[in-house]
Every structure is written in structure tokens, then in C-alpha cells.
Amino acid sequence: SSCAFATCASLLVSYDREGARRNCDLALSIVEMLNVQNSLPRVYANVYGGVHPYFERTEDAIKYHMKAYDVGIRVGDMTYAIINGYFYCGKSLLCGRELFLLKKECESIIEVATKYKQESKKTLLLPIVQAILTLIGQSDILMQKAEEMITSEFNLERGVWFFWRFLVAYIYCDYNVATHMLEKKRESEKELVRKFTAFGTIDFWEGLVFLAMAKKTKEKKWIYCIQESLSNVRNQAQSSPVHFRHRLLLLEAETASITGDVEYAAERYEIAVNAFDEYGYTNEQAIAYERAGDFFVSQHDGRAPQYYGKAQALYSQWGAQGKADHLGSNIPF
């Protein structure tokens, strides 16, 4: 059946990418040829939620998750409707969708989850909304303890909570909190075969935090972590350059900045921000420009203000006014 092929694909993807792709194609073909609406939400959740991120740009799957959400509500498959709604919201946040619009969409899906008593699935949506509120400046989640907010007993759901806290803390340059959240995520998932990969981007985000901690603490323990993240993203860039090459360039620039290769770092930052302009999402563009600004200001280079200015404008464009204001008040000149 289409569901069996889709489930098989999601299980295979960590070990046999081509096998997973073939099973996805079979599942989608069956759904399309037979117009099996009852199976569509489950198939799309497995294919576009579990396998697609390893091959294609995250944003390309978003429309399919919204379609599956609508179909799920129509055919009465509320569990997979909300799962696809969660995928839609999480991927949209990572893809830089305008935050005020995304906030309304997430709240609408949460209302549906509440109405149809999908409490466990609603738990996955709440940290996304909290992250959005923090970024737009309407909440100060960084002052709260994540553990007090996490009620789920399921380790994967706890891992999801810790990831969104980790991401927001990194964006706000609170690297100690980001590291703590990452450690909590790993601890909660250590017994799991499958972990939350942030739709295939976890190595990129972890690499950025490891690099930030290496700069901050000068401790050598971060070097191994950085090398592992770089290796993983390099492999991803080889298999999907459009999706990962710009991310790899930023990690390489950050790495050069901590090893003291100033000329190479400067060159890499400029190439990286140009690549993010072409392939990246607004939120990732903003981060790339901010990191470049950090580097150039550390070198007393006159280019720093233009990079910080561009970063601040991009955060505002994304709707993250809280972060834009935070950057404006913390620019070191």
C-alpha cells in the first residue's frame, strides 16, 4: 500500500537514501493514480516530513504539508492532519516565513488540534509559537526554564522542545543557553534510534553553536565537535549543493576565523553571504551577515557596519523585530 511504502521510506532514509527515494516514488504514484485521499495525509507526512529534507530544499515541501493538513481535516484523519500542520509550521519557521503571518497560521492549527483533542500533537506546535513570540519581541522565553515548560513524557517531543529553545538562544547570541539546550536535546534522545534532525539541518545549527563556543571559551574540546559538523554538512553539500553549499561556506568562514586564517576567512564570509543572498532564507541570510559583521569588527575592518546594517534589515524583514532591536543595541561601536 502507499502507506507501507511511505513508512518504509522514512525508516530507510538514514541507511539507504536511494532505496528511500524509490519507496517515496512508489507511495506518491499510488496516491496519485488511485486518488487515495484517506492515505494522503499519512503518506505526505512520511515522504515530505521524513525523507524529502535529505534531497530537496525544505521550502519545496511546505505546500504539500498544507495540502495534507487540509485533506486530513476533510477525511477525518485528525492525527496526521495535525502532524502535517506541525511540519508546515516548523519548516516555515526555518525557511524564514514572515513571522506575524506564521504566528497566525500556527495558532489556527493549534485551535484545530485543541478542538479535536490532539493534545500530544499540539505539544509539538507550542514551542514553535513560543519561538516566534520571542523573535518578534512579544515574549522573553530566554528568562524561563525550558524544563518547567515541557510536560511531554516522550523523549522525541522533548527533543523538539529543546531544539527550538536552542535555536532561539543561538539567534539571540546567548550561547551558554544554546549549548545547554543542545545538551538537553541530546540527553533526551540518546536512547532513540531516530532523533529530531530539524528537517535535515541540525548539523548546520549545531556547527554554528560549537563555533560560537570555541570563539567564546577558547577551549579545544569544541574542535572535534566542529570537525564532525563540518564533515556532515560537507557530505550534505555534495549530495544536495543547492540546499547546503551556502551553509557549508558559512561554517568554513567561521572555522577560518577561529584558526586565525584571516584572509581566507574574509574571503569565505563574502562568498558565503553572496551564496545566502542567492540560495538562503531570510533568517539564514540575517545570521550570515551578522556573523560576517562579528568577524570584520574583530579585525577593525570598515566593512563591519554594512554587514551589521544588512543583518538588522533582514531580521526586520523576517518579522523578528525583537532580534533586530537586540542586534541594534549590541553592535559593538
Protein backbone atom coordinates (compact mmCIF):
# COMPACT_ATOMS: atom_id res chain seq x y z
CA SER A 1 0.00 0.00 0.00
CA SER A 2 1.02 3.63 -0.33
CA CYS A 3 1.28 3.97 3.46
CA ALA A 4 3.55 0.92 3.69
CA PHE A 5 5.90 2.26 1.02
CA ALA A 6 5.98 5.70 2.66
CA THR A 7 6.67 4.28 6.12
CA CYS A 8 9.39 2.05 4.70
CA ALA A 9 10.99 5.08 3.03
CA SER A 10 11.10 7.02 6.30
CA LEU A 11 12.79 4.07 8.01
CA LEU A 12 15.30 3.54 5.19
CA VAL A 13 16.45 7.11 4.71
CA SER A 14 19.14 7.04 7.39
CA TYR A 15 20.79 3.99 5.81
CA ASP A 16 19.74 3.69 2.17
CA ARG A 17 18.94 7.03 0.58
CA GLU A 18 18.26 5.65 -2.90
CA GLY A 19 16.06 2.89 -1.50
CA ALA A 20 14.12 5.50 0.44
CA ARG A 21 13.71 7.63 -2.66
CA ARG A 22 12.36 4.67 -4.66
CA ASN A 23 9.84 3.85 -1.94
CA CYS A 24 8.74 7.50 -1.85
CA ASP A 25 8.18 7.50 -5.59
CA LEU A 26 6.07 4.34 -5.32
CA ALA A 27 3.99 5.73 -2.45
CA LEU A 28 3.31 9.01 -4.22
CA SER A 29 2.50 7.23 -7.50
CA ILE A 30 -0.12 5.06 -5.81
CA VAL A 31 -1.73 8.05 -4.09
CA GLU A 32 -1.82 10.00 -7.36
CA MET A 33 -3.02 7.19 -9.63
CA LEU A 34 -5.69 5.88 -7.30
CA ASN A 35 -6.55 9.27 -5.74
CA VAL A 36 -6.41 7.68 -2.29
CA GLN A 37 -7.36 10.69 -0.19
CA ASN A 38 -7.63 8.75 3.06
CA SER A 39 -3.96 7.74 2.80
CA LEU A 40 -2.61 11.07 1.60
CA PRO A 41 -2.00 12.76 4.99
CA ARG A 42 -0.01 9.79 6.33
CA VAL A 43 1.93 9.34 3.08
CA TYR A 44 2.81 13.03 2.84
CA ALA A 45 3.90 13.13 6.49
CA ASN A 46 6.36 10.28 5.91
CA VAL A 47 7.55 11.33 2.45
CA TYR A 48 7.77 15.11 2.80
CA GLY A 49 8.34 15.12 6.55
CA GLY A 50 10.80 12.26 6.89
CA VAL A 51 12.58 11.75 3.56
CA HIS A 52 12.27 14.89 1.43
CA PRO A 53 14.62 17.06 3.59
CA TYR A 54 17.56 14.81 2.72
CA PHE A 55 17.19 15.51 -1.02
CA GLU A 56 15.40 18.79 -1.64
CA ARG A 57 15.06 22.31 -0.30
CA THR A 58 12.91 22.42 2.82
CA GLU A 59 10.60 25.08 1.44
CA ASP A 60 9.61 22.86 -1.51
CA ALA A 61 7.70 20.53 0.85
CA ILE A 62 5.72 23.19 2.68
CA LYS A 63 2.82 23.33 0.21
CA TYR A 64 2.42 19.54 0.39
CA HIS A 65 2.15 19.62 4.18
CA MET A 66 -0.57 22.25 3.98
CA LYS A 67 -2.42 20.18 1.38
CA ALA A 68 -2.17 17.12 3.64
CA TYR A 69 -3.39 19.18 6.59
CA ASP A 70 -6.48 20.28 4.65
CA VAL A 71 -7.15 16.76 3.30
CA GLY A 72 -6.71 15.24 6.76
CA ILE A 73 -9.35 17.52 8.22
CA ARG A 74 -11.69 16.77 5.33
CA VAL A 75 -11.38 12.96 5.58
CA GLY A 76 -11.27 12.89 9.38
CA ASP A 77 -7.63 11.86 9.86
CA MET A 78 -7.01 14.46 12.54
CA THR A 79 -3.80 12.89 13.85
CA TYR A 80 -1.98 13.16 10.53
CA ALA A 81 -3.66 16.46 9.74
CA ILE A 82 -2.03 18.00 12.83
CA ILE A 83 1.28 16.22 12.19
CA ASN A 84 1.39 17.82 8.75
CA GLY A 85 0.36 21.13 10.32
CA TYR A 86 3.34 20.80 12.64
CA PHE A 87 5.67 20.07 9.72
CA TYR A 88 4.26 23.10 7.93
CA CYS A 89 4.86 25.41 10.88
CA GLY A 90 8.31 24.09 11.79
CA LYS A 91 9.63 24.15 8.25
CA SER A 92 8.11 27.57 7.60
CA LEU A 93 9.93 28.96 10.63
CA LEU A 94 13.26 27.51 9.49
CA CYS A 95 12.62 28.78 5.96
CA GLY A 96 12.19 32.38 7.07
CA ARG A 97 8.44 32.79 6.50
CA GLU A 98 7.22 36.17 7.71
CA LEU A 99 6.73 35.69 11.43
CA PHE A 100 3.47 37.55 12.09
CA LEU A 101 1.73 35.62 9.31
CA LEU A 102 3.24 32.34 10.52
CA LYS A 103 2.14 33.06 14.09
CA LYS A 104 -1.49 33.32 12.94
CA GLU A 105 -1.22 30.10 10.94
CA CYS A 106 0.29 28.20 13.87
CA GLU A 107 -2.35 29.47 16.28
CA SER A 108 -5.08 28.38 13.85
CA ILE A 109 -3.65 24.85 13.68
CA ILE A 110 -3.37 24.74 17.48
CA GLU A 111 -7.07 25.68 17.75
CA VAL A 112 -7.95 22.76 15.47
CA ALA A 113 -5.72 20.42 17.50
CA THR A 114 -7.45 21.54 20.68
CA LYS A 115 -10.91 21.15 19.17
CA TYR A 116 -10.21 17.57 18.09
CA LYS A 117 -8.32 16.63 21.26
CA GLN A 118 -4.94 16.13 19.59
CA GLU A 119 -3.10 17.20 22.74
CA SER A 120 0.13 15.27 22.16
CA LYS A 121 0.48 16.70 18.65
CA LYS A 122 -0.35 20.18 19.92
CA THR A 123 2.64 19.87 22.24
CA LEU A 124 4.91 19.93 19.18
CA LEU A 125 3.41 23.22 17.97
CA LEU A 126 3.65 25.18 21.22
CA PRO A 127 7.45 25.70 21.21
CA ILE A 128 7.27 26.96 17.62
CA VAL A 129 4.77 29.64 18.64
CA GLN A 130 6.89 30.50 21.67
CA ALA A 131 9.96 30.84 19.45
CA ILE A 132 8.05 33.16 17.12
CA LEU A 133 6.86 35.32 20.03
CA THR A 134 10.42 35.63 21.32
CA LEU A 135 11.79 36.57 17.92
CA ILE A 136 9.18 39.25 17.28
CA GLY A 137 9.76 40.64 20.76
CA GLN A 138 6.49 39.68 22.46
CA SER A 139 7.93 37.15 24.91
CA ASP A 140 11.12 36.61 26.88
CA ILE A 141 11.36 32.85 26.92
CA LEU A 142 15.11 33.07 27.49
CA MET A 143 14.39 34.05 31.09
CA GLN A 144 12.34 30.89 31.68
CA LYS A 145 13.46 27.33 32.34
CA ALA A 146 12.63 25.04 29.47
CA GLU A 147 12.25 22.07 31.78
CA GLU A 148 9.34 23.78 33.56
CA MET A 149 7.51 24.24 30.25
CA ILE A 150 7.99 20.72 28.89
CA THR A 151 5.25 18.39 30.06
CA SER A 152 5.60 15.65 27.43
CA GLU A 153 6.92 12.30 28.62
CA PHE A 154 8.03 11.36 25.09
CA ASN A 155 11.73 11.93 24.51
CA LEU A 156 11.35 12.83 20.83
CA GLU A 157 8.86 15.57 21.71
CA ARG A 158 11.19 16.79 24.46
CA GLY A 159 13.98 16.86 21.88
CA VAL A 160 11.83 19.03 19.64
CA TRP A 161 11.17 21.45 22.52
CA PHE A 162 14.86 21.69 23.34
CA PHE A 163 15.75 22.32 19.68
CA TRP A 164 13.53 25.38 19.33
CA ARG A 165 14.88 26.79 22.60
CA PHE A 166 18.40 26.07 21.37
CA LEU A 167 17.74 27.84 18.06
CA VAL A 168 16.26 30.98 19.59
CA ALA A 169 19.07 31.21 22.14
CA TYR A 170 21.65 30.98 19.35
CA ILE A 171 19.93 33.68 17.31
CA TYR A 172 19.98 35.94 20.38
CA CYS A 173 23.70 35.12 20.87
CA ASP A 174 23.07 33.50 24.25
CA TYR A 175 25.50 30.70 23.52
CA ASN A 176 25.58 29.27 27.03
CA VAL A 177 21.82 28.70 26.96
CA ALA A 178 22.04 27.36 23.40
CA THR A 179 24.70 24.86 24.44
CA HIS A 180 22.69 23.81 27.49
CA MET A 181 19.59 23.26 25.36
CA LEU A 182 21.60 21.23 22.85
CA GLU A 183 22.96 19.06 25.65
CA LYS A 184 19.42 18.55 26.98
CA LYS A 185 18.22 17.62 23.49
CA ARG A 186 20.97 15.04 23.09
CA GLU A 187 20.35 13.64 26.56
CA SER A 188 16.62 13.26 25.92
CA GLU A 189 17.25 11.49 22.60
CA LYS A 190 20.21 9.26 23.49
CA GLU A 191 18.07 6.09 23.67
CA LEU A 192 16.22 6.86 20.42
CA VAL A 193 17.08 5.31 17.08
CA ARG A 194 15.69 8.32 15.25
CA LYS A 195 16.32 11.81 16.55
CA PHE A 196 14.91 15.19 15.63
CA THR A 197 17.12 16.46 12.81
CA ALA A 198 15.46 19.85 12.31
CA PHE A 199 14.38 18.64 8.86
CA GLY A 200 17.94 17.79 7.87
CA THR A 201 19.59 20.99 9.13
CA ILE A 202 20.67 20.01 12.65
CA ASP A 203 24.38 19.65 11.75
CA PHE A 204 24.44 23.20 10.41
CA TRP A 205 22.85 24.68 13.53
CA GLU A 206 24.96 22.60 15.89
CA GLY A 207 28.09 23.60 13.98
CA LEU A 208 27.27 27.29 14.43
CA VAL A 209 26.89 26.86 18.18
CA PHE A 210 30.10 24.83 18.50
CA LEU A 211 31.95 27.56 16.60
CA ALA A 212 30.45 30.26 18.79
CA MET A 213 31.54 28.40 21.93
CA ALA A 214 35.03 27.85 20.52
CA LYS A 215 35.36 31.60 19.94
CA LYS A 216 33.96 32.43 23.37
CA THR A 217 35.81 29.93 25.54
CA LYS A 218 38.97 29.13 23.50
CA GLU A 219 38.53 25.54 24.71
CA LYS A 220 39.88 22.81 22.44
CA LYS A 221 37.03 20.42 23.25
CA TRP A 222 34.87 22.19 20.70
CA ILE A 223 37.25 21.44 17.82
CA TYR A 224 36.18 17.80 17.49
CA CYS A 225 32.51 18.83 17.53
CA ILE A 226 33.17 21.43 14.84
CA GLN A 227 35.00 18.92 12.66
CA GLU A 228 32.13 16.44 12.93
CA SER A 229 29.55 19.07 11.98
CA LEU A 230 31.69 20.28 9.08
CA SER A 231 32.11 16.75 7.78
CA ASN A 232 28.38 16.07 7.93
CA VAL A 233 27.42 19.34 6.21
CA ARG A 234 30.14 18.80 3.60
CA ASN A 235 28.56 15.43 2.77
CA GLN A 236 25.14 17.06 2.57
CA ALA A 237 26.53 19.75 0.25
CA GLN A 238 27.89 17.09 -2.07
CA SER A 239 24.54 15.32 -2.37
CA SER A 240 22.39 18.48 -2.36
CA PRO A 241 24.51 21.58 -3.18
CA VAL A 242 21.57 23.95 -3.64
CA HIS A 243 20.35 23.12 -0.15
CA PHE A 244 23.64 23.03 1.75
CA ARG A 245 26.53 24.70 -0.10
CA HIS A 246 25.83 28.17 1.34
CA ARG A 247 25.59 26.69 4.85
CA LEU A 248 28.91 24.92 4.40
CA LEU A 249 30.53 28.17 3.25
CA LEU A 250 29.44 29.94 6.43
CA LEU A 251 30.76 27.13 8.63
CA GLU A 252 34.07 27.25 6.73
CA ALA A 253 34.29 31.01 7.22
CA GLU A 254 33.58 30.69 10.92
CA THR A 255 36.16 27.92 11.22
CA ALA A 256 38.82 30.01 9.47
CA SER A 257 38.07 32.90 11.82
CA ILE A 258 38.90 30.81 14.90
CA THR A 259 42.02 29.24 13.37
CA GLY A 260 43.45 32.67 12.60
CA ASP A 261 43.39 32.42 8.80
CA VAL A 262 42.17 35.99 8.44
CA GLU A 263 42.47 36.39 4.68
CA TYR A 264 40.73 33.11 3.93
CA ALA A 265 38.01 33.87 6.48
CA ALA A 266 37.31 37.30 4.97
CA GLU A 267 37.10 35.79 1.51
CA ARG A 268 34.87 32.96 2.73
CA TYR A 269 32.47 35.31 4.55
CA GLU A 270 31.99 37.38 1.41
CA ILE A 271 31.40 34.28 -0.71
CA ALA A 272 29.05 32.90 1.95
CA VAL A 273 26.81 35.95 2.22
CA ASN A 274 26.58 36.12 -1.58
CA ALA A 275 25.56 32.45 -1.61
CA PHE A 276 22.94 33.09 1.08
CA ASP A 277 21.62 36.01 -0.98
CA GLU A 278 21.10 33.57 -3.85
CA TYR A 279 20.00 30.37 -2.09
CA GLY A 280 19.38 31.09 1.57
CA TYR A 281 16.28 32.02 3.50
CA THR A 282 15.81 35.46 5.03
CA ASN A 283 16.55 34.26 8.56
CA GLU A 284 19.71 32.44 7.48
CA GLN A 285 20.81 35.44 5.43
CA ALA A 286 20.48 37.63 8.51
CA ILE A 287 22.59 35.23 10.58
CA ALA A 288 25.27 35.04 7.88
CA TYR A 289 25.53 38.82 7.67
CA GLU A 290 25.66 39.13 11.46
CA ARG A 291 28.47 36.56 11.71
CA ALA A 292 30.36 38.39 8.96
CA GLY A 293 29.87 41.63 10.89
CA ASP A 294 31.26 39.99 14.03
CA PHE A 295 34.34 38.88 12.12
CA PHE A 296 35.03 42.21 10.43
CA VAL A 297 34.55 44.20 13.62
CA SER A 298 37.05 41.89 15.37
CA GLN A 299 39.52 42.80 12.63
CA HIS A 300 38.74 46.54 12.91
CA ASP A 301 37.64 46.36 9.30
CA GLY A 302 35.50 49.18 7.96
CA ARG A 303 33.13 46.74 6.28
CA ALA A 304 31.58 45.73 9.62
CA PRO A 305 28.84 48.42 9.72
CA GLN A 306 27.46 47.45 6.31
CA TYR A 307 27.20 43.79 7.33
CA TYR A 308 25.53 44.59 10.64
CA GLY A 309 23.17 47.01 8.89
CA LYS A 310 22.18 44.39 6.34
CA ALA A 311 21.66 41.80 9.09
CA GLN A 312 19.41 44.14 11.06
CA ALA A 313 17.36 44.94 7.96
CA LEU A 314 16.95 41.24 7.18
CA TYR A 315 15.82 40.42 10.73
CA SER A 316 13.21 43.16 10.43
CA GLN A 317 12.14 41.85 7.02
CA TRP A 318 11.67 38.41 8.57
CA GLY A 319 9.47 39.96 11.26
CA ALA A 320 11.99 39.29 14.05
CA GLN A 321 11.86 42.83 15.42
CA GLY A 322 12.88 41.65 18.87
CA LYS A 323 16.09 40.27 17.44
CA ALA A 324 16.62 43.31 15.19
CA ASP A 325 16.36 45.58 18.24
CA HIS A 326 18.67 43.28 20.22
CA LEU A 327 21.28 43.47 17.47
CA GLY A 328 20.95 47.22 17.20
CA SER A 329 21.57 47.67 20.93
CA ASN A 330 24.53 45.28 20.96
CA ILE A 331 26.53 46.33 17.91
CA PRO A 332 29.99 46.99 19.38
CA PHE A 333 30.53 50.52 18.05
